[in-house]
Amino acid sequence: MPSDVTREEFEARVGVLEREVEGEKMVTRHILEQTRRNGDDLAAVKTRLDRVEGKVDGLGQRLGAVEQRLGTLERNLPEIVATTMREVLDERDRKG
């Protein structure tokens, strides 16, 4: 059932299609620009996050060393206190 279309109607329809296509192009360009911008922002965030992770890893290692030293002190503290008390008592006995 083909219908006859006048030249003016045909040109009007083509004009509508051309505007729609141009609009789609603009939307596509905008999306592409935003994607590029977001990609750059994400790369910057990733770089900063990598630095933060490196610092956190370093702090984790330092904390591990502190925990190890505290563990050693905890194990040795009774002997340290006992030795000190013996020295104090021996000194007191020598004076008395």
C-alpha atoms as a PDB file:
ATOM      1  CA  MET A   1       0.000   0.000   0.000  1.00  0.00           C
ATOM      2  CA  PRO A   2       2.391   2.653  -1.036  1.00  0.00           C
ATOM      3  CA  SER A   3       1.138   6.125  -0.434  1.00  0.00           C
ATOM      4  CA  ASP A   4       2.076   9.117  -2.445  1.00  0.00           C
ATOM      5  CA  VAL A   5       4.142  11.633  -0.574  1.00  0.00           C
ATOM      6  CA  THR A   6       4.594  15.154  -1.775  1.00  0.00           C
ATOM      7  CA  ARG A   7       8.041  16.582  -2.221  1.00  0.00           C
ATOM      8  CA  GLU A   8       7.481  19.011   0.675  1.00  0.00           C
ATOM      9  CA  GLU A   9       6.362  16.214   2.983  1.00  0.00           C
ATOM     10  CA  PHE A  10       9.308  14.081   1.887  1.00  0.00           C
ATOM     11  CA  GLU A  11      11.754  16.946   2.548  1.00  0.00           C
ATOM     12  CA  ALA A  12      10.114  17.594   5.909  1.00  0.00           C
ATOM     13  CA  ARG A  13      10.485  13.938   6.892  1.00  0.00           C
ATOM     14  CA  VAL A  14      14.101  13.899   5.707  1.00  0.00           C
ATOM     15  CA  GLY A  15      14.727  17.086   7.685  1.00  0.00           C
ATOM     16  CA  VAL A  16      13.316  15.455  10.816  1.00  0.00           C
ATOM     17  CA  LEU A  17      15.519  12.408  10.275  1.00  0.00           C
ATOM     18  CA  GLU A  18      18.606  14.573   9.696  1.00  0.00           C
ATOM     19  CA  ARG A  19      17.957  16.468  12.943  1.00  0.00           C
ATOM     20  CA  GLU A  20      17.469  13.204  14.815  1.00  0.00           C
ATOM     21  CA  VAL A  21      20.713  11.828  13.396  1.00  0.00           C
ATOM     22  CA  GLU A  22      22.541  15.055  14.311  1.00  0.00           C
ATOM     23  CA  GLY A  23      21.050  14.863  17.798  1.00  0.00           C
ATOM     24  CA  GLU A  24      22.238  11.267  18.137  1.00  0.00           C
ATOM     25  CA  LYS A  25      25.710  12.336  17.022  1.00  0.00           C
ATOM     26  CA  MET A  26      25.745  15.063  19.668  1.00  0.00           C
ATOM     27  CA  VAL A  27      24.684  12.604  22.358  1.00  0.00           C
ATOM     28  CA  THR A  28      27.325  10.121  21.227  1.00  0.00           C
ATOM     29  CA  ARG A  29      30.017  12.817  21.250  1.00  0.00           C
ATOM     30  CA  HIS A  30      28.942  13.913  24.721  1.00  0.00           C
ATOM     31  CA  ILE A  31      29.034  10.340  26.036  1.00  0.00           C
ATOM     32  CA  LEU A  32      32.459   9.792  24.483  1.00  0.00           C
ATOM     33  CA  GLU A  33      33.781  13.015  26.037  1.00  0.00           C
ATOM     34  CA  GLN A  34      32.400  12.080  29.448  1.00  0.00           C
ATOM     35  CA  THR A  35      33.866   8.588  29.134  1.00  0.00           C
ATOM     36  CA  ARG A  36      37.294  10.024  28.373  1.00  0.00           C
ATOM     37  CA  ARG A  37      37.031  12.460  31.272  1.00  0.00           C
ATOM     38  CA  ASN A  38      35.874   9.740  33.636  1.00  0.00           C
ATOM     39  CA  GLY A  39      38.674   7.499  32.404  1.00  0.00           C
ATOM     40  CA  ASP A  40      41.224  10.198  33.245  1.00  0.00           C
ATOM     41  CA  ASP A  41      39.628  10.752  36.649  1.00  0.00           C
ATOM     42  CA  LEU A  42      39.598   7.027  37.352  1.00  0.00           C
ATOM     43  CA  ALA A  43      43.260   6.754  36.379  1.00  0.00           C
ATOM     44  CA  ALA A  44      44.118   9.577  38.797  1.00  0.00           C
ATOM     45  CA  VAL A  45      42.094   7.950  41.575  1.00  0.00           C
ATOM     46  CA  LYS A  46      43.778   4.603  40.905  1.00  0.00           C
ATOM     47  CA  THR A  47      47.225   6.201  41.081  1.00  0.00           C
ATOM     48  CA  ARG A  48      46.383   7.821  44.419  1.00  0.00           C
ATOM     49  CA  LEU A  49      44.859   4.603  45.719  1.00  0.00           C
ATOM     50  CA  ASP A  50      48.014   2.708  44.782  1.00  0.00           C
ATOM     51  CA  ARG A  51      50.064   5.199  46.804  1.00  0.00           C
ATOM     52  CA  VAL A  52      47.717   4.895  49.780  1.00  0.00           C
ATOM     53  CA  GLU A  53      47.855   1.108  49.590  1.00  0.00           C
ATOM     54  CA  GLY A  54      51.651   1.290  49.571  1.00  0.00           C
ATOM     55  CA  LYS A  55      51.609   3.459  52.682  1.00  0.00           C
ATOM     56  CA  VAL A  56      49.122   1.151  54.406  1.00  0.00           C
ATOM     57  CA  ASP A  57      51.290  -1.849  53.555  1.00  0.00           C
ATOM     58  CA  GLY A  58      54.311  -0.043  55.048  1.00  0.00           C
ATOM     59  CA  LEU A  59      52.345   0.781  58.189  1.00  0.00           C
ATOM     60  CA  GLY A  60      51.254  -2.841  58.427  1.00  0.00           C
ATOM     61  CA  GLN A  61      54.869  -3.971  58.335  1.00  0.00           C
ATOM     62  CA  ARG A  62      55.876  -1.416  60.974  1.00  0.00           C
ATOM     63  CA  LEU A  63      52.954  -2.445  63.168  1.00  0.00           C
ATOM     64  CA  GLY A  64      54.039  -6.058  62.831  1.00  0.00           C
ATOM     65  CA  ALA A  65      57.525  -5.106  64.027  1.00  0.00           C
ATOM     66  CA  VAL A  66      56.061  -3.202  67.005  1.00  0.00           C
ATOM     67  CA  GLU A  67      53.867  -6.186  67.896  1.00  0.00           C
ATOM     68  CA  GLN A  68      56.901  -8.447  67.734  1.00  0.00           C
ATOM     69  CA  ARG A  69      58.901  -6.167  70.040  1.00  0.00           C
ATOM     70  CA  LEU A  70      56.002  -5.919  72.488  1.00  0.00           C
ATOM     71  CA  GLY A  71      55.719  -9.703  72.470  1.00  0.00           C
ATOM     72  CA  THR A  72      59.410  -9.998  73.267  1.00  0.00           C
ATOM     73  CA  LEU A  73      59.083  -7.435  76.058  1.00  0.00           C
ATOM     74  CA  GLU A  74      56.038  -9.255  77.442  1.00  0.00           C
ATOM     75  CA  ARG A  75      57.977 -12.532  77.525  1.00  0.00           C
ATOM     76  CA  ASN A  76      61.058 -10.935  79.097  1.00  0.00           C
ATOM     77  CA  LEU A  77      59.305  -8.571  81.541  1.00  0.00           C
ATOM     78  CA  PRO A  78      59.002 -11.059  84.420  1.00  0.00           C
ATOM     79  CA  GLU A  79      62.728 -11.776  84.238  1.00  0.00           C
ATOM     80  CA  ILE A  80      63.541  -8.052  83.990  1.00  0.00           C
ATOM     81  CA  VAL A  81      61.402  -7.283  87.042  1.00  0.00           C
ATOM     82  CA  ALA A  82      62.871 -10.246  88.978  1.00  0.00           C
ATOM     83  CA  THR A  83      66.444  -9.208  88.196  1.00  0.00           C
ATOM     84  CA  THR A  84      65.720  -5.608  89.170  1.00  0.00           C
ATOM     85  CA  MET A  85      64.054  -6.679  92.428  1.00  0.00           C
ATOM     86  CA  ARG A  86      67.018  -8.938  93.293  1.00  0.00           C
ATOM     87  CA  GLU A  87      69.419  -6.059  92.681  1.00  0.00           C
ATOM     88  CA  VAL A  88      67.324  -3.668  94.805  1.00  0.00           C
ATOM     89  CA  LEU A  89      66.981  -6.198  97.621  1.00  0.00           C
ATOM     90  CA  ASP A  90      70.681  -7.067  97.501  1.00  0.00           C
ATOM     91  CA  GLU A  91      71.555  -3.361  97.665  1.00  0.00           C
ATOM     92  CA  ARG A  92      69.152  -2.852 100.577  1.00  0.00           C
ATOM     93  CA  ASP A  93      70.603  -5.839 102.429  1.00  0.00           C
ATOM     94  CA  ARG A  94      74.160  -4.524 101.945  1.00  0.00           C
ATOM     95  CA  LYS A  95      73.192  -1.137 103.347  1.00  0.00           C
ATOM     96  CA  GLY A  96      71.265  -2.545 106.251  1.00  0.00           C
END
